[in-house]
Amino acid sequence: MHAISVTGAYHSLQRLGTSCDLVVVTSRQHCIQQPTLDWVAQHFPNVFEEVHFGNHWALEGVSKAKSEICRCASFCRKQTKLQMLS
């Protein structure tokens, strides 16, 4: 993958990550999941808690809207935090 990151993005996201959990939500297909995860790990190590794939325009597998992924991820994190507090 030849995409480049924006100058200063890593340090800004590191700072932001000290006050909230950061996740990636992408429409990328499952067939390019590993190269995407590798790129995120290379350019943004230890920044994101989770990476979610929408699998849009895929020939195989289920496709999910980003809004649906965000609603589910938010709900799941809230449930986990509530369990941790109990």
Foldseek 3Di string as FASTA:
>chain_A
DPDDDDPPPQVVLQVVQVPHAAEAEEQDAPVCVVVVVVVCCVPHNPRHPYYHYQRPPHPDDHGDDSVVVVVVVVVVVVVVVVVVVD
